[in-house]
Amino acid sequence: MKSKIRIGVLALQGAFAVHKPHLESLGAEYVEVVNKEDFEVINGLILPGGESSTMLKLLELTDIKKSLLEFMKISPTWGICAGAILMASKVYGPEQDSLGIMNIEVTRNAYGRQLESIEELVNNYKVSYIRAPKISKTNSDIKILSTRENSPTWVESNRHMITTFHPEMSLNFGSPWHQRLVEKCKF
């Protein structure tokens, strides 16, 4: 019997718990990642929406940044909004450090403030843009799968995936992006 796919969600800050029903509806196990040992039991990882600068500080305070980077080098990882900012190679608006996992540049809060949040359909699935970053530059190794206002909103490179929108806010559980991450973890 095959073991269950275990997807970790970085649970230091932000919208992590909303991923649980999406993952469980797909038969995956939801694991909150809060320490180094958690990386040893998961197959894939979600860096959730939240506040990227706060997440960076918490990664240092909890001493899991090195373990996170090692995990992301070899395992499927999906960054959503703030998670996308963390995974980018360069961050503007204002400039800040990042983990530099994907060859993209992003501008924080480029679609406006919290009150300017919107919902729209991406591949016939309702997603939310909440203080979303805009991907301003991609390298040739990045596959663009969705755009908004001529800017990429969903990109992939090998085992890594980034969305600037939030599909996890939908109550239509088992979003296509959660499903895609689970599939990436099978290989």
Foldseek 3Di string as FASTA:
>chain_A
DDDAAEEEEADPFDDGVLQQQQLVVVRHHYHYDQALVSLVPHLEYEDEDGALVVVVVSCVVRVCLVSVLVSLVPHAYEYEFSGQVQQELWEPCPTDDHSPNFDWYKYFLPQHAQVSKDWDDDVNAIWIQGSFIFTPDHDPQKDADDDDPPTGQWIDHQRYIYGRIGRSVDPPHNDPVSVVNSVSSVD
